[in-house]
């Protein structure tokens, strides 16, 4: 059986190699992996900047955004069912994980499929804990490979609502900074809620955002402060300065959620009155959000299904490159939309 493996910490060690065959254990379901998405985390692992191999191993099978088909009946699943699976798993010794919320793990000892201490999905067959599987409606087809990044968006929006609703609050106007896969999926989910959504990025135009009823602005041409205040800002571009700036784009009781990651060593600036006065006097909140738990995955799949029903052609445009596993370098180099690795066809 072949898989996409890497030596964590060793740049450009990613390669297709033979990996051990698997069999389903007592609480597991055997899966045939159909497609795996590629994101910035995969690229960082491939460049030796991140990732940890399983205990006692030198290599890590990468891939954490996946669509699979059930290979054998079991645990309520039937051969041929489409499923995906959660990424982060419990540390087993903190209160968050003990309450089935490993996305909020307090120790950092969690494991993550294809990222941290647990092999991923970029291989032909995987034996997966049945409790981690998320059913996928057949109507979504191959676009279900977008479930994982959608779950990140769903989790961020859920937490933003929880924070905003700590007091009387109306979420009516939202800004999404960044028009990559996460930014566009966030735009889709927010538009499904009927919000007035603005999407901002460096590109001069974005017909896809406008096709689903969002407003698009290029940050090269427009200072986002000119757009007025927002109830919600989602920073999806992964730019630390944009993250700091998001606090100043909020109106009263506004909430800014950081979904991007920018690990560069740098200094960013923020106007003194924005943090020293406005954030206090106007009850503004800035917070970070990472990963997702089961309820977010379920919400994400439901959102994708509704988006597919409402905007089928537009949703399909989010996946702009599909290549076989041995052409992974093309997927890693691809920009301008979601790239995926196609492992095999359905049975």
C-alpha atoms as a PDB file:
ATOM      1  CA  UNK A   1       0.000   0.000   0.000  1.00  0.00           C
ATOM      2  CA  UNK A   2       1.295   3.459  -0.876  1.00  0.00           C
ATOM      3  CA  UNK A   3       1.101   6.668   1.107  1.00  0.00           C
ATOM      4  CA  UNK A   4       2.523  10.173   1.178  1.00  0.00           C
ATOM      5  CA  UNK A   5       5.158  10.324   3.917  1.00  0.00           C
ATOM      6  CA  UNK A   6       7.540  12.894   5.333  1.00  0.00           C
ATOM      7  CA  UNK A   7      10.380  13.001   7.841  1.00  0.00           C
ATOM      8  CA  UNK A   8       9.140  15.737  10.210  1.00  0.00           C
ATOM      9  CA  UNK A   9      11.733  18.446  10.560  1.00  0.00           C
ATOM     10  CA  UNK A  10      13.512  17.486   7.323  1.00  0.00           C
ATOM     11  CA  UNK A  11      12.674  19.905   4.527  1.00  0.00           C
ATOM     12  CA  UNK A  12      11.640  18.449   1.160  1.00  0.00           C
ATOM     13  CA  UNK A  13      11.593  14.864   2.457  1.00  0.00           C
ATOM     14  CA  UNK A  14       8.022  14.307   1.257  1.00  0.00           C
ATOM     15  CA  UNK A  15       7.662  11.294  -1.027  1.00  0.00           C
ATOM     16  CA  UNK A  16       5.328   8.498  -2.027  1.00  0.00           C
ATOM     17  CA  UNK A  17       6.399   5.287  -0.298  1.00  0.00           C
ATOM     18  CA  UNK A  18       5.138   1.888   0.772  1.00  0.00           C
ATOM     19  CA  UNK A  19       3.344   1.997   4.112  1.00  0.00           C
ATOM     20  CA  UNK A  20       2.098  -0.916   6.236  1.00  0.00           C
ATOM     21  CA  UNK A  21      -1.219  -2.535   5.403  1.00  0.00           C
ATOM     22  CA  UNK A  22      -3.996  -1.969   7.928  1.00  0.00           C
ATOM     23  CA  UNK A  23      -6.885  -3.974   9.334  1.00  0.00           C
ATOM     24  CA  UNK A  24      -9.830  -2.641  11.283  1.00  0.00           C
ATOM     25  CA  UNK A  25      -9.638  -3.202  15.037  1.00  0.00           C
ATOM     26  CA  UNK A  26     -12.562  -3.848  17.414  1.00  0.00           C
ATOM     27  CA  UNK A  27     -13.883  -0.257  17.369  1.00  0.00           C
ATOM     28  CA  UNK A  28     -12.652   0.714  13.917  1.00  0.00           C
ATOM     29  CA  UNK A  29     -14.026   0.989  10.403  1.00  0.00           C
ATOM     30  CA  UNK A  30     -11.884   0.247   7.349  1.00  0.00           C
ATOM     31  CA  UNK A  31     -11.913   3.152   4.902  1.00  0.00           C
ATOM     32  CA  UNK A  32     -10.890   3.474   1.265  1.00  0.00           C
ATOM     33  CA  UNK A  33      -9.488   6.984   0.897  1.00  0.00           C
ATOM     34  CA  UNK A  34     -10.830   8.743  -2.178  1.00  0.00           C
ATOM     35  CA  UNK A  35      -9.394  12.237  -1.964  1.00  0.00           C
ATOM     36  CA  UNK A  36      -7.229  14.325   0.372  1.00  0.00           C
ATOM     37  CA  UNK A  37      -7.072  18.122   0.460  1.00  0.00           C
ATOM     38  CA  UNK A  38      -3.825  20.078   0.685  1.00  0.00           C
ATOM     39  CA  UNK A  39      -3.473  23.149   2.899  1.00  0.00           C
ATOM     40  CA  UNK A  40      -0.844  25.431   4.410  1.00  0.00           C
ATOM     41  CA  UNK A  41      -0.220  23.042   7.293  1.00  0.00           C
ATOM     42  CA  UNK A  42       0.723  20.265   4.856  1.00  0.00           C
ATOM     43  CA  UNK A  43       3.105  22.642   3.112  1.00  0.00           C
ATOM     44  CA  UNK A  44       4.736  23.629   6.406  1.00  0.00           C
ATOM     45  CA  UNK A  45       5.210  19.979   7.323  1.00  0.00           C
ATOM     46  CA  UNK A  46       6.709  19.279   3.909  1.00  0.00           C
ATOM     47  CA  UNK A  47       9.109  22.193   4.395  1.00  0.00           C
ATOM     48  CA  UNK A  48      10.276  20.794   7.735  1.00  0.00           C
ATOM     49  CA  UNK A  49       8.686  23.553   9.810  1.00  0.00           C
ATOM     50  CA  UNK A  50       6.072  21.534  11.669  1.00  0.00           C
ATOM     51  CA  UNK A  51       4.797  18.053  12.403  1.00  0.00           C
ATOM     52  CA  UNK A  52       5.634  15.148  14.701  1.00  0.00           C
ATOM     53  CA  UNK A  53       5.898  11.469  13.777  1.00  0.00           C
ATOM     54  CA  UNK A  54       4.047   8.808  15.783  1.00  0.00           C
ATOM     55  CA  UNK A  55       5.919   7.468  18.800  1.00  0.00           C
ATOM     56  CA  UNK A  56       8.756   5.186  17.744  1.00  0.00           C
ATOM     57  CA  UNK A  57       8.479   6.138  14.066  1.00  0.00           C
ATOM     58  CA  UNK A  58      10.743   8.219  11.844  1.00  0.00           C
ATOM     59  CA  UNK A  59       8.131   9.164   9.261  1.00  0.00           C
ATOM     60  CA  UNK A  60       4.643  10.628   9.298  1.00  0.00           C
ATOM     61  CA  UNK A  61       1.899   9.887   6.778  1.00  0.00           C
ATOM     62  CA  UNK A  62       0.454  13.309   6.082  1.00  0.00           C
ATOM     63  CA  UNK A  63      -3.014  14.423   4.974  1.00  0.00           C
ATOM     64  CA  UNK A  64      -5.797  15.539   7.310  1.00  0.00           C
ATOM     65  CA  UNK A  65      -8.531  16.792   4.926  1.00  0.00           C
ATOM     66  CA  UNK A  66     -10.131  13.708   3.500  1.00  0.00           C
ATOM     67  CA  UNK A  67     -13.097  12.073   1.837  1.00  0.00           C
ATOM     68  CA  UNK A  68     -13.378   8.293   2.155  1.00  0.00           C
ATOM     69  CA  UNK A  69     -15.658   5.398   1.321  1.00  0.00           C
ATOM     70  CA  UNK A  70     -16.465   2.730   3.880  1.00  0.00           C
ATOM     71  CA  UNK A  71     -14.788  -0.502   2.783  1.00  0.00           C
ATOM     72  CA  UNK A  72     -16.455  -2.921   5.217  1.00  0.00           C
ATOM     73  CA  UNK A  73     -19.747  -2.830   7.102  1.00  0.00           C
ATOM     74  CA  UNK A  74     -19.509  -2.109  10.801  1.00  0.00           C
ATOM     75  CA  UNK A  75     -20.468   0.137  13.727  1.00  0.00           C
ATOM     76  CA  UNK A  76     -23.521   1.551  11.968  1.00  0.00           C
ATOM     77  CA  UNK A  77     -21.737   2.186   8.664  1.00  0.00           C
ATOM     78  CA  UNK A  78     -22.355   0.324   5.415  1.00  0.00           C
ATOM     79  CA  UNK A  79     -19.871  -0.473   2.689  1.00  0.00           C
ATOM     80  CA  UNK A  80     -19.974   2.355   0.160  1.00  0.00           C
ATOM     81  CA  UNK A  81     -20.985   5.080   2.633  1.00  0.00           C
ATOM     82  CA  UNK A  82     -19.145   8.366   2.222  1.00  0.00           C
ATOM     83  CA  UNK A  83     -17.477   9.675   5.369  1.00  0.00           C
ATOM     84  CA  UNK A  84     -14.849  12.045   6.638  1.00  0.00           C
ATOM     85  CA  UNK A  85     -13.145  12.053  10.038  1.00  0.00           C
ATOM     86  CA  UNK A  86     -12.121  14.501  12.738  1.00  0.00           C
ATOM     87  CA  UNK A  87      -8.485  15.537  12.955  1.00  0.00           C
ATOM     88  CA  UNK A  88      -7.628  16.320  16.576  1.00  0.00           C
ATOM     89  CA  UNK A  89      -7.821  13.591  19.215  1.00  0.00           C
ATOM     90  CA  UNK A  90      -7.953  13.689  23.001  1.00  0.00           C
ATOM     91  CA  UNK A  91      -4.939  14.004  25.317  1.00  0.00           C
ATOM     92  CA  UNK A  92      -7.030  11.972  27.826  1.00  0.00           C
ATOM     93  CA  UNK A  93      -5.933  14.022  30.813  1.00  0.00           C
ATOM     94  CA  UNK A  94      -7.484  17.494  30.720  1.00  0.00           C
ATOM     95  CA  UNK A  95     -11.022  18.635  31.450  1.00  0.00           C
ATOM     96  CA  UNK A  96     -11.620  19.813  27.874  1.00  0.00           C
ATOM     97  CA  UNK A  97     -10.649  16.492  26.326  1.00  0.00           C
ATOM     98  CA  UNK A  98     -12.552  14.575  28.983  1.00  0.00           C
ATOM     99  CA  UNK A  99     -15.644  16.488  27.860  1.00  0.00           C
ATOM    100  CA  UNK A 100     -15.032  15.483  24.217  1.00  0.00           C
ATOM    101  CA  UNK A 101     -13.676  18.907  23.261  1.00  0.00           C
ATOM    102  CA  UNK A 102     -10.087  18.214  22.134  1.00  0.00           C
ATOM    103  CA  UNK A 103     -10.209  21.375  20.013  1.00  0.00           C
ATOM    104  CA  UNK A 104      -9.855  23.176  23.362  1.00  0.00           C
ATOM    105  CA  UNK A 105      -7.216  20.829  24.804  1.00  0.00           C
ATOM    106  CA  UNK A 106      -5.498  22.461  27.791  1.00  0.00           C
ATOM    107  CA  UNK A 107      -2.274  20.439  27.794  1.00  0.00           C
ATOM    108  CA  UNK A 108      -1.123  20.457  24.183  1.00  0.00           C
ATOM    109  CA  UNK A 109      -0.669  16.679  24.393  1.00  0.00           C
ATOM    110  CA  UNK A 110      -3.366  16.020  21.793  1.00  0.00           C
ATOM    111  CA  UNK A 111      -2.653  14.133  18.582  1.00  0.00           C
ATOM    112  CA  UNK A 112      -3.773  15.117  15.091  1.00  0.00           C
ATOM    113  CA  UNK A 113      -4.207  12.960  12.030  1.00  0.00           C
ATOM    114  CA  UNK A 114      -1.425  13.692   9.549  1.00  0.00           C
ATOM    115  CA  UNK A 115       0.061  16.441  11.693  1.00  0.00           C
ATOM    116  CA  UNK A 116       0.948  15.525  15.241  1.00  0.00           C
ATOM    117  CA  UNK A 117       1.808  12.058  16.572  1.00  0.00           C
ATOM    118  CA  UNK A 118      -0.779  10.275  14.413  1.00  0.00           C
ATOM    119  CA  UNK A 119      -0.504   9.138  10.797  1.00  0.00           C
ATOM    120  CA  UNK A 120      -2.772  10.856   8.331  1.00  0.00           C
ATOM    121  CA  UNK A 121      -5.070   9.922   5.481  1.00  0.00           C
ATOM    122  CA  UNK A 122      -2.899  10.246   2.356  1.00  0.00           C
ATOM    123  CA  UNK A 123      -2.779   6.477   1.792  1.00  0.00           C
ATOM    124  CA  UNK A 124      -5.004   3.901   0.174  1.00  0.00           C
ATOM    125  CA  UNK A 125      -6.651   2.384   3.252  1.00  0.00           C
ATOM    126  CA  UNK A 126      -7.128   3.661   6.806  1.00  0.00           C
ATOM    127  CA  UNK A 127      -8.579   1.981   9.870  1.00  0.00           C
ATOM    128  CA  UNK A 128     -10.429   4.688  11.782  1.00  0.00           C
ATOM    129  CA  UNK A 129     -12.158   4.866  15.145  1.00  0.00           C
ATOM    130  CA  UNK A 130     -15.875   4.741  14.348  1.00  0.00           C
ATOM    131  CA  UNK A 131     -16.567   7.482  16.908  1.00  0.00           C
ATOM    132  CA  UNK A 132     -14.463   9.919  14.842  1.00  0.00           C
ATOM    133  CA  UNK A 133     -16.328   9.400  11.578  1.00  0.00           C
ATOM    134  CA  UNK A 134     -18.664  12.030  10.141  1.00  0.00           C
ATOM    135  CA  UNK A 135     -21.322  10.857   7.636  1.00  0.00           C
ATOM    136  CA  UNK A 136     -21.367  12.627   4.287  1.00  0.00           C
ATOM    137  CA  UNK A 137     -24.465  12.912   2.051  1.00  0.00           C
ATOM    138  CA  UNK A 138     -23.872  11.372  -1.370  1.00  0.00           C
ATOM    139  CA  UNK A 139     -25.274  14.521  -2.987  1.00  0.00           C
ATOM    140  CA  UNK A 140     -22.076  16.397  -2.112  1.00  0.00           C
ATOM    141  CA  UNK A 141     -19.946  14.042  -4.156  1.00  0.00           C
ATOM    142  CA  UNK A 142     -16.235  14.852  -4.216  1.00  0.00           C
ATOM    143  CA  UNK A 143     -16.840  18.347  -2.824  1.00  0.00           C
ATOM    144  CA  UNK A 144     -17.129  16.699   0.592  1.00  0.00           C
ATOM    145  CA  UNK A 145     -13.317  16.897   0.668  1.00  0.00           C
ATOM    146  CA  UNK A 146     -13.975  20.481   1.814  1.00  0.00           C
ATOM    147  CA  UNK A 147     -15.469  19.305   5.103  1.00  0.00           C
ATOM    148  CA  UNK A 148     -12.333  19.821   7.196  1.00  0.00           C
ATOM    149  CA  UNK A 149     -11.644  23.470   6.280  1.00  0.00           C
ATOM    150  CA  UNK A 150     -15.381  24.120   6.532  1.00  0.00           C
ATOM    151  CA  UNK A 151     -15.337  22.746  10.089  1.00  0.00           C
ATOM    152  CA  UNK A 152     -12.647  25.296  10.985  1.00  0.00           C
ATOM    153  CA  UNK A 153     -14.945  28.062   9.773  1.00  0.00           C
ATOM    154  CA  UNK A 154     -17.975  26.602  11.545  1.00  0.00           C
ATOM    155  CA  UNK A 155     -16.070  26.418  14.823  1.00  0.00           C
ATOM    156  CA  UNK A 156     -14.869  30.015  14.556  1.00  0.00           C
ATOM    157  CA  UNK A 157     -18.359  31.294  13.765  1.00  0.00           C
ATOM    158  CA  UNK A 158     -19.864  29.265  16.635  1.00  0.00           C
ATOM    159  CA  UNK A 159     -17.382  30.700  19.117  1.00  0.00           C
ATOM    160  CA  UNK A 160     -17.886  34.222  17.763  1.00  0.00           C
ATOM    161  CA  UNK A 161     -21.619  33.867  18.312  1.00  0.00           C
ATOM    162  CA  UNK A 162     -21.071  32.527  21.825  1.00  0.00           C
ATOM    163  CA  UNK A 163     -18.881  35.522  22.673  1.00  0.00           C
ATOM    164  CA  UNK A 164     -21.163  38.064  21.015  1.00  0.00           C
ATOM    165  CA  UNK A 165     -24.264  36.626  22.649  1.00  0.00           C
ATOM    166  CA  UNK A 166     -22.826  37.097  26.139  1.00  0.00           C
ATOM    167  CA  UNK A 167     -24.763  40.363  25.935  1.00  0.00           C
ATOM    168  CA  UNK A 168     -27.499  41.788  23.683  1.00  0.00           C
ATOM    169  CA  UNK A 169     -26.000  41.657  20.173  1.00  0.00           C
ATOM    170  CA  UNK A 170     -27.053  41.465  16.555  1.00  0.00           C
ATOM    171  CA  UNK A 171     -24.835  39.833  13.951  1.00  0.00           C
ATOM    172  CA  UNK A 172     -25.753  41.564  10.703  1.00  0.00           C
ATOM    173  CA  UNK A 173     -22.557  42.667   8.963  1.00  0.00           C
ATOM    174  CA  UNK A 174     -19.432  40.530   8.545  1.00  0.00           C
ATOM    175  CA  UNK A 175     -15.998  40.952   6.981  1.00  0.00           C
ATOM    176  CA  UNK A 176     -13.871  38.019   5.805  1.00  0.00           C
ATOM    177  CA  UNK A 177     -10.205  38.911   5.305  1.00  0.00           C
ATOM    178  CA  UNK A 178      -8.573  36.500   2.870  1.00  0.00           C
ATOM    179  CA  UNK A 179     -10.069  34.727  -0.145  1.00  0.00           C
ATOM    180  CA  UNK A 180      -8.288  31.393  -0.006  1.00  0.00           C
ATOM    181  CA  UNK A 181     -10.198  28.172   0.654  1.00  0.00           C
ATOM    182  CA  UNK A 182     -10.960  28.997   4.301  1.00  0.00           C
ATOM    183  CA  UNK A 183     -11.929  32.580   3.536  1.00  0.00           C
ATOM    184  CA  UNK A 184     -14.237  31.574   0.713  1.00  0.00           C
ATOM    185  CA  UNK A 185     -15.814  28.766   2.712  1.00  0.00           C
ATOM    186  CA  UNK A 186     -16.434  31.236   5.535  1.00  0.00           C
ATOM    187  CA  UNK A 187     -18.042  33.558   2.995  1.00  0.00           C
ATOM    188  CA  UNK A 188     -20.335  30.745   1.837  1.00  0.00           C
ATOM    189  CA  UNK A 189     -21.365  29.843   5.401  1.00  0.00           C
ATOM    190  CA  UNK A 190     -22.051  33.451   6.384  1.00  0.00           C
ATOM    191  CA  UNK A 191     -24.045  34.109   3.229  1.00  0.00           C
ATOM    192  CA  UNK A 192     -26.175  31.057   4.021  1.00  0.00           C
ATOM    193  CA  UNK A 193     -27.166  32.904   7.204  1.00  0.00           C
ATOM    194  CA  UNK A 194     -28.316  35.869   5.145  1.00  0.00           C
ATOM    195  CA  UNK A 195     -25.640  38.226   6.471  1.00  0.00           C
ATOM    196  CA  UNK A 196     -24.270  41.268   4.692  1.00  0.00           C
ATOM    197  CA  UNK A 197     -20.830  39.818   3.910  1.00  0.00           C
ATOM    198  CA  UNK A 198     -17.746  41.620   2.635  1.00  0.00           C
ATOM    199  CA  UNK A 199     -14.763  39.584   1.457  1.00  0.00           C
ATOM    200  CA  UNK A 200     -11.365  41.273   1.138  1.00  0.00           C
ATOM    201  CA  UNK A 201      -8.107  40.075  -0.368  1.00  0.00           C
ATOM    202  CA  UNK A 202      -5.159  41.226  -2.478  1.00  0.00           C
ATOM    203  CA  UNK A 203      -6.591  40.152  -5.830  1.00  0.00           C
ATOM    204  CA  UNK A 204      -8.179  42.879  -7.972  1.00  0.00           C
ATOM    205  CA  UNK A 205     -11.474  40.987  -8.338  1.00  0.00           C
ATOM    206  CA  UNK A 206     -13.324  37.936  -7.083  1.00  0.00           C
ATOM    207  CA  UNK A 207     -16.295  36.954  -9.201  1.00  0.00           C
ATOM    208  CA  UNK A 208     -17.046  33.938  -7.017  1.00  0.00           C
ATOM    209  CA  UNK A 209     -17.664  36.018  -3.877  1.00  0.00           C
ATOM    210  CA  UNK A 210     -19.937  38.366  -5.787  1.00  0.00           C
ATOM    211  CA  UNK A 211     -21.790  35.456  -7.438  1.00  0.00           C
ATOM    212  CA  UNK A 212     -23.035  34.285  -4.043  1.00  0.00           C
ATOM    213  CA  UNK A 213     -24.094  37.763  -2.967  1.00  0.00           C
ATOM    214  CA  UNK A 214     -21.032  38.963  -1.059  1.00  0.00           C
ATOM    215  CA  UNK A 215     -19.256  42.248  -1.693  1.00  0.00           C
ATOM    216  CA  UNK A 216     -15.617  41.975  -2.738  1.00  0.00           C
ATOM    217  CA  UNK A 217     -12.914  44.583  -2.153  1.00  0.00           C
ATOM    218  CA  UNK A 218      -9.241  44.511  -3.032  1.00  0.00           C
ATOM    219  CA  UNK A 219      -7.008  45.547  -0.162  1.00  0.00           C
ATOM    220  CA  UNK A 220      -4.577  46.951  -2.730  1.00  0.00           C
ATOM    221  CA  UNK A 221      -7.143  49.550  -3.713  1.00  0.00           C
ATOM    222  CA  UNK A 222      -9.232  49.992  -0.580  1.00  0.00           C
ATOM    223  CA  UNK A 223      -8.447  50.756   3.055  1.00  0.00           C
ATOM    224  CA  UNK A 224     -10.798  48.445   4.946  1.00  0.00           C
ATOM    225  CA  UNK A 225     -11.556  51.232   7.408  1.00  0.00           C
ATOM    226  CA  UNK A 226     -13.427  52.953   4.585  1.00  0.00           C
ATOM    227  CA  UNK A 227     -16.046  50.194   4.653  1.00  0.00           C
ATOM    228  CA  UNK A 228     -17.427  51.123   8.072  1.00  0.00           C
ATOM    229  CA  UNK A 229     -17.653  48.930  11.143  1.00  0.00           C
ATOM    230  CA  UNK A 230     -18.507  45.237  11.304  1.00  0.00           C
ATOM    231  CA  UNK A 231     -20.190  43.011  13.873  1.00  0.00           C
ATOM    232  CA  UNK A 232     -17.864  40.145  12.937  1.00  0.00           C
ATOM    233  CA  UNK A 233     -14.439  40.028  11.337  1.00  0.00           C
ATOM    234  CA  UNK A 234     -12.918  36.676  10.339  1.00  0.00           C
ATOM    235  CA  UNK A 235      -9.190  36.927   9.588  1.00  0.00           C
ATOM    236  CA  UNK A 236      -8.414  34.037   7.249  1.00  0.00           C
ATOM    237  CA  UNK A 237      -5.377  35.413   5.427  1.00  0.00           C
ATOM    238  CA  UNK A 238      -2.787  34.485   8.037  1.00  0.00           C
ATOM    239  CA  UNK A 239      -1.253  37.962   8.326  1.00  0.00           C
ATOM    240  CA  UNK A 240      -0.349  39.197  11.803  1.00  0.00           C
ATOM    241  CA  UNK A 241      -0.771  42.867  10.916  1.00  0.00           C
ATOM    242  CA  UNK A 242      -4.206  42.192   9.454  1.00  0.00           C
ATOM    243  CA  UNK A 243      -5.056  40.345  12.669  1.00  0.00           C
ATOM    244  CA  UNK A 244      -4.132  43.377  14.768  1.00  0.00           C
ATOM    245  CA  UNK A 245      -5.987  45.685  12.379  1.00  0.00           C
ATOM    246  CA  UNK A 246      -9.178  43.631  12.700  1.00  0.00           C
ATOM    247  CA  UNK A 247      -9.813  45.023  16.198  1.00  0.00           C
ATOM    248  CA  UNK A 248     -10.110  48.483  14.682  1.00  0.00           C
ATOM    249  CA  UNK A 249     -12.661  47.344  12.091  1.00  0.00           C
ATOM    250  CA  UNK A 250     -15.293  46.387  14.651  1.00  0.00           C
ATOM    251  CA  UNK A 251     -18.290  48.406  15.683  1.00  0.00           C
ATOM    252  CA  UNK A 252     -19.800  48.321  19.164  1.00  0.00           C
ATOM    253  CA  UNK A 253     -19.807  44.812  20.693  1.00  0.00           C
ATOM    254  CA  UNK A 254     -18.060  43.505  17.599  1.00  0.00           C
ATOM    255  CA  UNK A 255     -16.090  40.247  17.593  1.00  0.00           C
ATOM    256  CA  UNK A 256     -12.953  39.467  15.586  1.00  0.00           C
ATOM    257  CA  UNK A 257     -11.964  35.823  15.088  1.00  0.00           C
ATOM    258  CA  UNK A 258      -8.470  34.841  13.944  1.00  0.00           C
ATOM    259  CA  UNK A 259      -8.446  31.707  11.784  1.00  0.00           C
ATOM    260  CA  UNK A 260      -5.209  32.303   9.885  1.00  0.00           C
ATOM    261  CA  UNK A 261      -1.742  31.593  11.261  1.00  0.00           C
ATOM    262  CA  UNK A 262       1.333  33.787  10.794  1.00  0.00           C
ATOM    263  CA  UNK A 263       4.404  32.399  12.633  1.00  0.00           C
ATOM    264  CA  UNK A 264       6.855  34.943  11.193  1.00  0.00           C
ATOM    265  CA  UNK A 265       9.019  36.759  13.729  1.00  0.00           C
ATOM    266  CA  UNK A 266       7.952  40.372  13.367  1.00  0.00           C
ATOM    267  CA  UNK A 267       6.435  43.328  15.116  1.00  0.00           C
ATOM    268  CA  UNK A 268       2.983  44.623  14.296  1.00  0.00           C
ATOM    269  CA  UNK A 269       1.427  47.938  15.242  1.00  0.00           C
ATOM    270  CA  UNK A 270      -1.978  49.036  16.448  1.00  0.00           C
ATOM    271  CA  UNK A 271      -3.337  52.505  17.124  1.00  0.00           C
ATOM    272  CA  UNK A 272      -3.254  53.222  20.835  1.00  0.00           C
ATOM    273  CA  UNK A 273      -6.860  54.429  21.119  1.00  0.00           C
ATOM    274  CA  UNK A 274      -8.119  51.307  19.313  1.00  0.00           C
ATOM    275  CA  UNK A 275      -6.920  48.999  22.064  1.00  0.00           C
ATOM    276  CA  UNK A 276      -6.652  51.511  24.905  1.00  0.00           C
ATOM    277  CA  UNK A 277     -10.090  53.062  24.559  1.00  0.00           C
ATOM    278  CA  UNK A 278     -12.349  51.685  21.802  1.00  0.00           C
ATOM    279  CA  UNK A 279     -11.926  48.016  22.736  1.00  0.00           C
ATOM    280  CA  UNK A 280     -12.947  48.860  26.298  1.00  0.00           C
ATOM    281  CA  UNK A 281     -15.638  51.461  25.746  1.00  0.00           C
ATOM    282  CA  UNK A 282     -17.271  49.528  22.910  1.00  0.00           C
ATOM    283  CA  UNK A 283     -16.981  45.982  24.321  1.00  0.00           C
ATOM    284  CA  UNK A 284     -14.931  44.697  21.368  1.00  0.00           C
ATOM    285  CA  UNK A 285     -13.368  41.209  21.436  1.00  0.00           C
ATOM    286  CA  UNK A 286     -10.423  39.673  19.539  1.00  0.00           C
ATOM    287  CA  UNK A 287      -9.861  35.910  19.844  1.00  0.00           C
ATOM    288  CA  UNK A 288      -8.186  32.986  18.109  1.00  0.00           C
ATOM    289  CA  UNK A 289      -9.794  29.722  17.038  1.00  0.00           C
ATOM    290  CA  UNK A 290      -8.205  26.440  15.968  1.00  0.00           C
ATOM    291  CA  UNK A 291      -9.408  23.019  14.852  1.00  0.00           C
ATOM    292  CA  UNK A 292     -12.964  21.802  15.452  1.00  0.00           C
ATOM    293  CA  UNK A 293     -15.050  19.319  17.404  1.00  0.00           C
ATOM    294  CA  UNK A 294     -17.775  16.966  16.253  1.00  0.00           C
ATOM    295  CA  UNK A 295     -20.630  19.484  16.350  1.00  0.00           C
ATOM    296  CA  UNK A 296     -18.624  21.799  14.103  1.00  0.00           C
ATOM    297  CA  UNK A 297     -17.986  19.010  11.600  1.00  0.00           C
ATOM    298  CA  UNK A 298     -21.686  18.204  11.492  1.00  0.00           C
ATOM    299  CA  UNK A 299     -22.531  21.890  11.031  1.00  0.00           C
ATOM    300  CA  UNK A 300     -19.903  22.163   8.305  1.00  0.00           C
ATOM    301  CA  UNK A 301     -21.244  19.187   6.347  1.00  0.00           C
ATOM    302  CA  UNK A 302     -24.764  20.557   6.652  1.00  0.00           C
ATOM    303  CA  UNK A 303     -23.544  23.958   5.470  1.00  0.00           C
ATOM    304  CA  UNK A 304     -21.734  22.444   2.506  1.00  0.00           C
ATOM    305  CA  UNK A 305     -24.843  20.485   1.545  1.00  0.00           C
ATOM    306  CA  UNK A 306     -26.984  23.633   1.661  1.00  0.00           C
ATOM    307  CA  UNK A 307     -24.396  25.656  -0.233  1.00  0.00           C
ATOM    308  CA  UNK A 308     -24.216  22.914  -2.878  1.00  0.00           C
ATOM    309  CA  UNK A 309     -27.980  23.013  -3.261  1.00  0.00           C
ATOM    310  CA  UNK A 310     -28.053  26.816  -3.546  1.00  0.00           C
ATOM    311  CA  UNK A 311     -24.815  27.520  -5.436  1.00  0.00           C
ATOM    312  CA  UNK A 312     -23.666  24.194  -6.976  1.00  0.00           C
ATOM    313  CA  UNK A 313     -21.482  25.674  -9.709  1.00  0.00           C
ATOM    314  CA  UNK A 314     -19.895  28.258  -7.432  1.00  0.00           C
ATOM    315  CA  UNK A 315     -19.048  25.757  -4.690  1.00  0.00           C
ATOM    316  CA  UNK A 316     -17.448  23.460  -7.242  1.00  0.00           C
ATOM    317  CA  UNK A 317     -15.072  26.271  -8.238  1.00  0.00           C
ATOM    318  CA  UNK A 318     -13.380  26.148  -4.834  1.00  0.00           C
ATOM    319  CA  UNK A 319     -11.502  22.981  -5.829  1.00  0.00           C
ATOM    320  CA  UNK A 320      -9.305  24.188  -8.669  1.00  0.00           C
ATOM    321  CA  UNK A 321      -6.751  21.381  -8.965  1.00  0.00           C
ATOM    322  CA  UNK A 322      -7.047  17.606  -8.611  1.00  0.00           C
ATOM    323  CA  UNK A 323      -3.964  15.440  -9.224  1.00  0.00           C
ATOM    324  CA  UNK A 324      -2.969  11.855  -8.371  1.00  0.00           C
ATOM    325  CA  UNK A 325      -0.814  11.128  -5.338  1.00  0.00           C
ATOM    326  CA  UNK A 326       2.456  10.933  -7.271  1.00  0.00           C
ATOM    327  CA  UNK A 327       1.954  14.521  -8.450  1.00  0.00           C
ATOM    328  CA  UNK A 328       1.799  15.884  -4.901  1.00  0.00           C
ATOM    329  CA  UNK A 329       4.445  18.524  -5.699  1.00  0.00           C
ATOM    330  CA  UNK A 330       2.008  20.200  -8.085  1.00  0.00           C
ATOM    331  CA  UNK A 331      -0.661  20.299  -5.399  1.00  0.00           C
ATOM    332  CA  UNK A 332       1.771  21.733  -2.849  1.00  0.00           C
ATOM    333  CA  UNK A 333       2.861  24.450  -5.284  1.00  0.00           C
ATOM    334  CA  UNK A 334      -0.680  25.328  -6.351  1.00  0.00           C
ATOM    335  CA  UNK A 335      -2.175  28.663  -5.330  1.00  0.00           C
ATOM    336  CA  UNK A 336      -5.481  30.254  -6.196  1.00  0.00           C
ATOM    337  CA  UNK A 337      -7.891  27.629  -4.862  1.00  0.00           C
ATOM    338  CA  UNK A 338      -8.031  24.280  -3.123  1.00  0.00           C
ATOM    339  CA  UNK A 339      -5.765  21.529  -4.466  1.00  0.00           C
ATOM    340  CA  UNK A 340      -6.488  17.883  -3.719  1.00  0.00           C
ATOM    341  CA  UNK A 341      -4.812  14.523  -4.158  1.00  0.00           C
ATOM    342  CA  UNK A 342      -6.981  11.851  -5.746  1.00  0.00           C
ATOM    343  CA  UNK A 343      -5.995   8.449  -4.400  1.00  0.00           C
ATOM    344  CA  UNK A 344      -8.550   6.206  -6.072  1.00  0.00           C
ATOM    345  CA  UNK A 345     -11.993   5.985  -7.590  1.00  0.00           C
ATOM    346  CA  UNK A 346     -15.117   4.773  -5.849  1.00  0.00           C
ATOM    347  CA  UNK A 347     -16.181   1.162  -5.776  1.00  0.00           C
END
